[in-house]
Amino acid sequence: RMVPTTTTVNKAGLQSKWWNLQVSGAAPAPACLEGYGRQYAALFERHCGEHRKDHQRCMRKGKFDPLDMKTWYPVCGEPYEVETACAVSLLKEVDVRCRAQLDSAADAVGHGQAPNPKLTKQLESVGQCMAQLGADKHLKLTVDTAQAKERFRLSKQLLAR
């Protein structure tokens, strides 16, 4: 199970009001993980898993501490940026295709005490939408790998200073 990271959400420029609630913590992380965590993880693996594996392989090979970005980024930053670009592209697609369900979930946040049955139901609906997206064999993401590589090149120069 996984949900989109704050970095991915912030980079994506999404339209649904749901994402700010997830990032701010107003939407409880356990509820998000339960409602659509499996479906999002499956979508991510299908479309961005190869990029994540490239990044993880680099990190393992260099035996880098993932919390020490200054050390690992010059070596493993390019696959990280490509993975992030893929995740942003995926999230934009989710935002467009599941907007109604995401906005309904946003409206359910704060209505009632935890556990919030209305929010739970709406998050299950988000999960169902993501599952349908995952079943779409024609879904092709547009990942700007050239821009990701350029972002890496520029960031690497900044880190070198």
Protein backbone atom coordinates (compact mmCIF):
# COMPACT_ATOMS: atom_id res chain seq x y z
CA ARG A 1 0.00 0.00 0.00
CA MET A 2 1.09 3.53 -0.70
CA VAL A 3 -0.31 6.98 -1.32
CA PRO A 4 1.22 9.79 -3.38
CA THR A 5 4.01 11.64 -1.63
CA THR A 6 3.85 15.31 -0.70
CA THR A 7 6.63 16.02 -3.22
CA THR A 8 4.69 14.37 -6.03
CA VAL A 9 1.44 16.13 -5.13
CA ASN A 10 3.18 19.51 -4.93
CA LYS A 11 4.96 19.06 -8.27
CA ALA A 12 1.85 17.89 -10.11
CA GLY A 13 -0.29 21.04 -9.89
CA LEU A 14 -3.51 19.09 -9.35
CA GLN A 15 -7.07 20.39 -9.51
CA SER A 16 -8.96 18.31 -6.95
CA LYS A 17 -9.26 19.84 -3.50
CA TRP A 18 -8.55 16.36 -2.08
CA TRP A 19 -4.77 16.54 -2.50
CA ASN A 20 -4.25 19.51 -0.18
CA LEU A 21 -6.19 17.65 2.52
CA GLN A 22 -3.99 14.58 2.07
CA VAL A 23 -0.77 16.62 2.16
CA SER A 24 -1.83 18.70 5.17
CA GLY A 25 -2.83 15.62 7.16
CA ALA A 26 -6.47 16.73 7.42
CA ALA A 27 -7.29 13.48 5.64
CA PRO A 28 -6.01 10.73 7.95
CA ALA A 29 -3.18 8.72 6.35
CA PRO A 30 -4.49 5.36 7.65
CA ALA A 31 -7.86 6.04 5.99
CA CYS A 32 -6.12 6.96 2.71
CA LEU A 33 -3.98 3.83 2.80
CA GLU A 34 -7.01 1.68 3.53
CA GLY A 35 -9.27 3.39 0.97
CA TYR A 36 -7.00 3.51 -2.05
CA GLY A 37 -3.49 2.52 -1.02
CA ARG A 38 -3.51 -0.89 -2.72
CA GLN A 39 -5.00 0.45 -5.93
CA TYR A 40 -2.57 3.37 -6.12
CA ALA A 41 0.38 1.07 -5.40
CA ALA A 42 -0.72 -1.27 -8.22
CA LEU A 43 -1.12 1.67 -10.62
CA PHE A 44 2.27 3.05 -9.63
CA GLU A 45 3.97 -0.33 -10.02
CA ARG A 46 2.44 -0.88 -13.44
CA HIS A 47 3.38 2.52 -14.85
CA CYS A 48 6.38 3.70 -12.80
CA GLY A 49 7.74 0.52 -11.21
CA GLU A 50 10.65 0.16 -13.62
CA HIS A 51 11.83 3.70 -12.83
CA ARG A 52 11.56 3.00 -9.08
CA LYS A 53 13.58 -0.22 -9.50
CA ASP A 54 16.30 1.70 -11.37
CA HIS A 55 16.51 4.21 -8.53
CA GLN A 56 16.51 1.54 -5.82
CA ARG A 57 19.13 -0.48 -7.67
CA CYS A 58 21.42 2.56 -7.79
CA MET A 59 20.87 3.25 -4.10
CA ARG A 60 21.69 -0.36 -3.15
CA LYS A 61 24.74 -0.48 -5.40
CA GLY A 62 26.18 2.65 -3.80
CA LYS A 63 24.99 1.63 -0.31
CA PHE A 64 23.62 5.14 0.12
CA ASP A 65 21.63 6.40 3.09
CA PRO A 66 18.31 7.54 1.55
CA LEU A 67 18.15 10.39 4.07
CA ASP A 68 21.52 11.79 2.93
CA MET A 69 20.42 13.27 -0.37
CA LYS A 70 23.60 15.31 -0.75
CA THR A 71 25.53 12.04 -0.99
CA TRP A 72 23.24 9.94 -3.17
CA TYR A 73 21.73 12.53 -5.48
CA PRO A 74 24.83 13.14 -7.65
CA VAL A 75 24.97 9.39 -8.37
CA CYS A 76 21.32 8.28 -8.26
CA GLY A 77 19.49 11.54 -8.90
CA GLU A 78 18.67 10.88 -12.53
CA PRO A 79 16.62 7.71 -11.94
CA TYR A 80 15.01 9.48 -8.96
CA GLU A 81 13.96 12.42 -11.15
CA VAL A 82 12.59 10.08 -13.85
CA GLU A 83 10.65 8.13 -11.20
CA THR A 84 9.25 11.38 -9.81
CA ALA A 85 8.29 12.60 -13.31
CA CYS A 86 6.44 9.33 -13.88
CA ALA A 87 4.65 9.62 -10.53
CA VAL A 88 3.61 13.22 -11.37
CA SER A 89 2.26 12.11 -14.74
CA LEU A 90 0.34 9.26 -13.11
CA LEU A 91 -1.11 11.53 -10.45
CA LYS A 92 -2.28 14.04 -13.06
CA GLU A 93 -4.13 11.22 -14.82
CA VAL A 94 -5.71 10.09 -11.52
CA ASP A 95 -6.69 13.69 -10.77
CA VAL A 96 -8.49 14.02 -14.12
CA ARG A 97 -10.14 10.61 -14.24
CA CYS A 98 -11.10 10.33 -10.55
CA ARG A 99 -11.84 14.00 -9.82
CA ALA A 100 -15.50 13.48 -8.86
CA GLN A 101 -14.60 10.74 -6.36
CA LEU A 102 -11.64 12.74 -4.99
CA ASP A 103 -13.77 15.85 -4.51
CA SER A 104 -16.51 13.82 -2.80
CA ALA A 105 -13.89 12.44 -0.44
CA ALA A 106 -12.65 15.98 0.23
CA ASP A 107 -16.19 17.04 1.10
CA ALA A 108 -16.44 14.13 3.57
CA VAL A 109 -13.32 15.16 5.54
CA GLY A 110 -14.25 16.64 8.89
CA HIS A 111 -17.83 15.36 8.82
CA GLY A 112 -18.23 13.27 11.92
CA GLN A 113 -15.82 11.77 14.36
CA ALA A 114 -13.23 9.12 13.61
CA PRO A 115 -13.95 6.65 12.30
CA ASN A 116 -15.81 8.63 9.66
CA PRO A 117 -18.10 6.24 7.71
CA LYS A 118 -18.81 8.83 5.00
CA LEU A 119 -15.09 9.40 4.37
CA THR A 120 -14.43 5.66 4.40
CA LYS A 121 -17.12 5.13 1.75
CA GLN A 122 -15.81 7.97 -0.41
CA LEU A 123 -12.21 6.72 -0.18
CA GLU A 124 -13.38 3.26 -1.24
CA SER A 125 -14.94 4.98 -4.26
CA VAL A 126 -11.57 6.63 -5.02
CA GLY A 127 -9.98 3.18 -4.77
CA GLN A 128 -12.53 1.74 -7.19
CA CYS A 129 -11.81 4.52 -9.68
CA MET A 130 -8.07 3.87 -9.41
CA ALA A 131 -8.71 0.15 -9.93
CA GLN A 132 -10.67 0.94 -13.10
CA LEU A 133 -7.79 3.13 -14.24
CA GLY A 134 -5.45 0.23 -13.55
CA ALA A 135 -7.60 -2.05 -15.70
CA ASP A 136 -7.41 0.37 -18.65
CA LYS A 137 -4.99 -1.39 -21.01
CA HIS A 138 -4.90 1.68 -23.27
CA LEU A 139 -3.66 4.07 -20.59
CA LYS A 140 -0.28 5.44 -21.62
CA LEU A 141 1.41 8.07 -19.50
CA THR A 142 3.42 10.86 -21.03
CA VAL A 143 6.60 11.06 -18.96
CA ASP A 144 8.94 13.87 -19.89
CA THR A 145 12.21 12.02 -19.28
CA ALA A 146 14.21 14.73 -21.07
CA GLN A 147 12.92 17.35 -18.63
CA ALA A 148 13.62 15.02 -15.69
CA LYS A 149 17.19 14.51 -16.86
CA GLU A 150 17.65 18.24 -17.31
CA ARG A 151 16.27 18.86 -13.80
CA PHE A 152 18.82 16.35 -12.52
CA ARG A 153 21.67 18.04 -14.41
CA LEU A 154 20.77 21.46 -13.01
CA SER A 155 20.20 20.18 -9.47
CA LYS A 156 23.50 18.31 -9.55
CA GLN A 157 25.28 21.54 -10.50
CA LEU A 158 23.66 23.31 -7.54
CA LEU A 159 24.71 20.55 -5.16
CA ALA A 160 28.28 20.73 -6.43
CA ARG A 161 28.57 24.37 -5.35
